Protein backbone atom coordinates (compact mmCIF):
# COMPACT_ATOMS: atom_id res chain seq x y z
CA UNK A 1 7.29 39.47 -16.67
CA UNK A 2 5.82 38.39 -13.41
CA UNK A 3 4.33 35.23 -15.15
CA UNK A 4 7.74 34.23 -16.72
CA UNK A 5 9.37 34.57 -13.27
CA UNK A 6 6.30 32.20 -11.79
CA UNK A 7 7.00 29.66 -14.79
CA UNK A 8 10.80 29.76 -14.13
CA UNK A 9 10.29 28.95 -10.30
CA UNK A 10 7.95 26.05 -11.15
CA UNK A 11 10.21 24.70 -13.51
CA UNK A 12 13.17 24.98 -11.37
CA UNK A 13 11.34 23.22 -8.54
CA UNK A 14 10.68 20.38 -10.86
CA UNK A 15 14.30 20.12 -11.85
CA UNK A 16 15.50 20.35 -8.21
CA UNK A 17 12.96 17.43 -7.38
CA UNK A 18 14.27 15.26 -10.24
CA UNK A 19 17.83 15.94 -9.42
CA UNK A 20 17.43 15.39 -5.49
CA UNK A 21 15.53 12.22 -5.66
CA UNK A 22 17.55 8.88 -5.17
CA UNK A 23 16.69 5.63 -6.97
CA UNK A 24 15.48 3.51 -4.22
CA UNK A 25 14.16 0.42 -6.20
CA UNK A 26 14.24 -0.90 -9.70
CA UNK A 27 10.75 -0.07 -10.76
CA UNK A 28 10.23 2.20 -13.78
CA UNK A 29 10.15 5.88 -13.22
CA UNK A 30 9.98 7.36 -16.57
CA UNK A 31 6.72 7.49 -18.65
CA UNK A 32 5.44 9.07 -21.92
CA UNK A 33 1.76 9.45 -22.87
CA UNK A 34 -0.22 10.48 -25.85
CA UNK A 35 -3.73 11.76 -25.14
CA UNK A 36 -6.68 12.69 -27.66
CA UNK A 37 -10.23 13.89 -26.70
CA UNK A 38 -12.99 16.23 -27.09
CA UNK A 39 -13.17 19.68 -25.65
CA UNK A 40 -16.34 21.59 -24.50
CA UNK A 41 -16.00 25.36 -23.88
CA UNK A 42 -17.76 26.34 -20.77
CA UNK A 43 -18.44 29.89 -21.73
CA UNK A 44 -18.08 32.12 -24.77
CA UNK A 45 -14.60 33.33 -26.05
CA UNK A 46 -14.98 37.12 -26.07
CA UNK A 47 -18.48 37.08 -27.90
CA UNK A 48 -17.57 33.85 -29.98
CA UNK A 49 -19.57 30.84 -29.19
CA UNK A 50 -17.13 27.96 -29.73
CA UNK A 51 -18.15 24.65 -31.27
CA UNK A 52 -17.01 21.38 -29.72
CA UNK A 53 -13.30 21.12 -30.22
CA UNK A 54 -10.75 18.46 -30.27
CA UNK A 55 -7.06 17.93 -29.52
CA UNK A 56 -4.10 15.97 -28.29
CA UNK A 57 -1.30 16.25 -25.75
CA UNK A 58 1.96 14.57 -25.53
CA UNK A 59 3.12 14.13 -21.75
CA UNK A 60 6.54 13.01 -20.21
CA UNK A 61 6.54 12.11 -16.39
CA UNK A 62 8.97 11.22 -13.80
CA UNK A 63 7.95 9.46 -10.67
CA UNK A 64 9.92 10.69 -7.81
CA UNK A 65 7.81 9.17 -4.91
CA UNK A 66 5.96 5.89 -4.96
CA UNK A 67 2.70 7.33 -6.04
CA UNK A 68 3.79 10.98 -7.27
CA UNK A 69 5.23 12.21 -10.62
CA UNK A 70 6.17 15.50 -12.04
CA UNK A 71 5.09 15.94 -15.71
CA UNK A 72 5.63 18.31 -18.63
CA UNK A 73 4.30 18.19 -22.26
CA UNK A 74 2.91 19.96 -25.26
CA UNK A 75 -0.57 20.01 -26.58
CA UNK A 76 -2.96 21.25 -29.48
CA UNK A 77 -6.48 22.02 -29.27
CA UNK A 78 -8.73 23.57 -32.01
CA UNK A 79 -12.33 24.94 -32.01
CA UNK A 80 -14.33 26.37 -34.65
CA UNK A 81 -16.76 29.28 -34.46
CA UNK A 82 -19.42 30.35 -36.84
CA UNK A 83 -19.41 33.96 -35.87
CA UNK A 84 -17.02 35.75 -33.67
CA UNK A 85 -15.24 38.91 -32.80
CA UNK A 86 -12.56 38.10 -35.36
CA UNK A 87 -15.08 37.26 -38.12
CA UNK A 88 -17.25 34.44 -39.60
CA UNK A 89 -16.25 30.88 -39.85
CA UNK A 90 -12.89 31.41 -37.72
CA UNK A 91 -10.84 28.72 -35.83
CA UNK A 92 -9.45 29.21 -32.54
CA UNK A 93 -6.37 27.10 -31.72
CA UNK A 94 -5.05 26.77 -28.19
CA UNK A 95 -1.37 25.40 -28.13
CA UNK A 96 1.54 25.42 -25.63
CA UNK A 97 2.98 23.59 -22.70
CA UNK A 98 1.55 21.86 -19.67
CA UNK A 99 3.32 21.04 -16.36
CA UNK A 100 2.62 20.03 -12.82
CA UNK A 101 2.03 16.94 -10.43
CA UNK A 102 0.33 13.67 -10.84
CA UNK A 103 -0.77 11.50 -7.90
CA UNK A 104 -1.49 7.74 -8.97
CA UNK A 105 -2.84 5.31 -6.22
CA UNK A 106 -3.91 1.69 -6.61
CA UNK A 107 -7.52 0.67 -5.95
CA UNK A 108 -7.38 -2.43 -3.99
CA UNK A 109 -5.30 -5.27 -5.21
CA UNK A 110 -6.65 -4.84 -9.05
CA UNK A 111 -5.00 -3.57 -12.08
CA UNK A 112 -6.93 -0.36 -11.83
CA UNK A 113 -5.59 2.93 -10.39
CA UNK A 114 -7.00 6.29 -9.71
CA UNK A 115 -4.92 9.49 -10.82
CA UNK A 116 -5.36 13.16 -10.25
CA UNK A 117 -3.30 15.70 -11.84
CA UNK A 118 -3.05 19.32 -11.18
CA UNK A 119 -0.64 22.05 -12.56
CA UNK A 120 -0.17 25.04 -14.89
CA UNK A 121 -0.31 25.52 -18.71
CA UNK A 122 1.55 28.04 -20.68
CA UNK A 123 -0.33 28.40 -23.82
CA UNK A 124 -1.58 30.97 -26.37
CA UNK A 125 -4.57 31.29 -28.68
CA UNK A 126 -4.32 31.66 -32.42
CA UNK A 127 -7.19 32.80 -34.63
CA UNK A 128 -7.18 31.45 -37.94
CA UNK A 129 -9.08 32.11 -41.09
CA UNK A 130 -11.05 29.31 -43.16
CA UNK A 131 -8.02 29.46 -45.49
CA UNK A 132 -5.67 28.55 -42.45
CA UNK A 133 -4.11 32.09 -42.30
CA UNK A 134 -3.19 33.32 -38.94
CA UNK A 135 -5.12 36.56 -38.37
CA UNK A 136 -4.26 37.03 -34.77
CA UNK A 137 -2.15 35.57 -31.88
CA UNK A 138 -2.62 36.15 -28.19
CA UNK A 139 0.69 35.45 -27.14
CA UNK A 140 1.75 32.80 -24.63
CA UNK A 141 0.47 33.26 -20.85
CA UNK A 142 -0.02 31.11 -17.72
CA UNK A 143 -3.16 29.20 -16.92
CA UNK A 144 -4.10 26.39 -14.82
CA UNK A 145 -5.58 22.92 -15.01
CA UNK A 146 -7.00 19.91 -13.03
CA UNK A 147 -7.45 16.35 -14.14
CA UNK A 148 -8.69 13.23 -12.70
CA UNK A 149 -9.36 9.62 -14.13
CA UNK A 150 -8.71 5.97 -14.13
CA UNK A 151 -5.59 4.00 -15.25
CA UNK A 152 -5.94 0.46 -16.51
CA UNK A 153 -2.67 -1.70 -16.46
CA UNK A 154 -2.61 -3.38 -19.87
CA UNK A 155 0.44 -5.37 -18.93
CA UNK A 156 4.10 -5.03 -20.55
CA UNK A 157 4.25 -1.42 -19.00
CA UNK A 158 1.33 0.00 -21.27
CA UNK A 159 -1.46 1.89 -19.35
CA UNK A 160 -4.96 3.07 -20.75
CA UNK A 161 -6.03 6.38 -18.96
CA UNK A 162 -9.16 7.77 -19.58
CA UNK A 163 -10.12 11.04 -17.80
CA UNK A 164 -11.78 14.38 -17.45
CA UNK A 165 -9.86 17.79 -17.26
CA UNK A 166 -10.83 21.34 -16.80
CA UNK A 167 -8.40 24.03 -17.67
CA UNK A 168 -8.40 27.77 -17.76
CA UNK A 169 -6.44 30.52 -19.79
CA UNK A 170 -7.00 34.34 -19.88
CA UNK A 171 -5.55 36.25 -22.66
CA UNK A 172 -5.85 39.44 -24.98
CA UNK A 173 -6.44 39.24 -28.63
CA UNK A 174 -5.84 42.07 -30.98
CA UNK A 175 -7.86 42.26 -34.05
CA UNK A 176 -7.11 45.47 -36.00
CA UNK A 177 -7.31 48.34 -33.48
CA UNK A 178 -9.48 46.44 -31.05
CA UNK A 179 -8.23 44.25 -28.11
CA UNK A 180 -10.55 41.68 -26.78
CA UNK A 181 -9.89 40.06 -23.43
CA UNK A 182 -10.85 36.38 -23.64
CA UNK A 183 -11.13 33.49 -21.13
CA UNK A 184 -10.91 30.07 -22.50
CA UNK A 185 -12.36 27.68 -20.04
CA UNK A 186 -12.51 24.15 -21.19
CA UNK A 187 -13.84 20.87 -19.99
CA UNK A 188 -12.24 17.99 -21.63
CA UNK A 189 -12.86 14.37 -21.81
CA UNK A 190 -9.92 12.33 -23.21
CA UNK A 191 -8.13 8.95 -23.37
CA UNK A 192 -4.50 8.41 -23.20
CA UNK A 193 -2.04 5.68 -23.75
CA UNK A 194 1.07 5.54 -21.49
CA UNK A 195 4.22 3.30 -21.42
CA UNK A 196 6.55 3.29 -18.68
CA UNK A 197 10.52 2.77 -18.79
């Protein structure tokens, strides 16, 4: 319940920021972004040694200050494991929502910018068999993330954004009568393509 309250407050603050800002210039304020990349778990998930994963994210942003935006989106990330607390040859999928703030700052007079993002995730972890059957679901919970990278202006409001991200999520997974406390901490390298409107 406490986590839902925190999430509600954060979303409420984002909405207040969106509604309270005034348009002071004609520059684009809204952007969407698609990201894909490779995920490296930084520790075991329970006793599961996760193989290199991959995933994608979709993000919608609103710039409310010259260099600062609020963002929200959805992501899907998949890891395989040869042997785990859930059995052999299991897949672990982390899916859910992402939100936070992004700071984007030009580097000199070039078409290159630096960006930093920080915020939360509201994700869950599903355990799937090799047949694609869901055998367990942790339920959604709050985690956190931080990200940084470069933004290359490609022209016509298109931006290429390579970056690195670290995210952390702690959940409980029930398999039969056994509850396993898991921490999914991930280092992600990815590239995104963004379009402003």
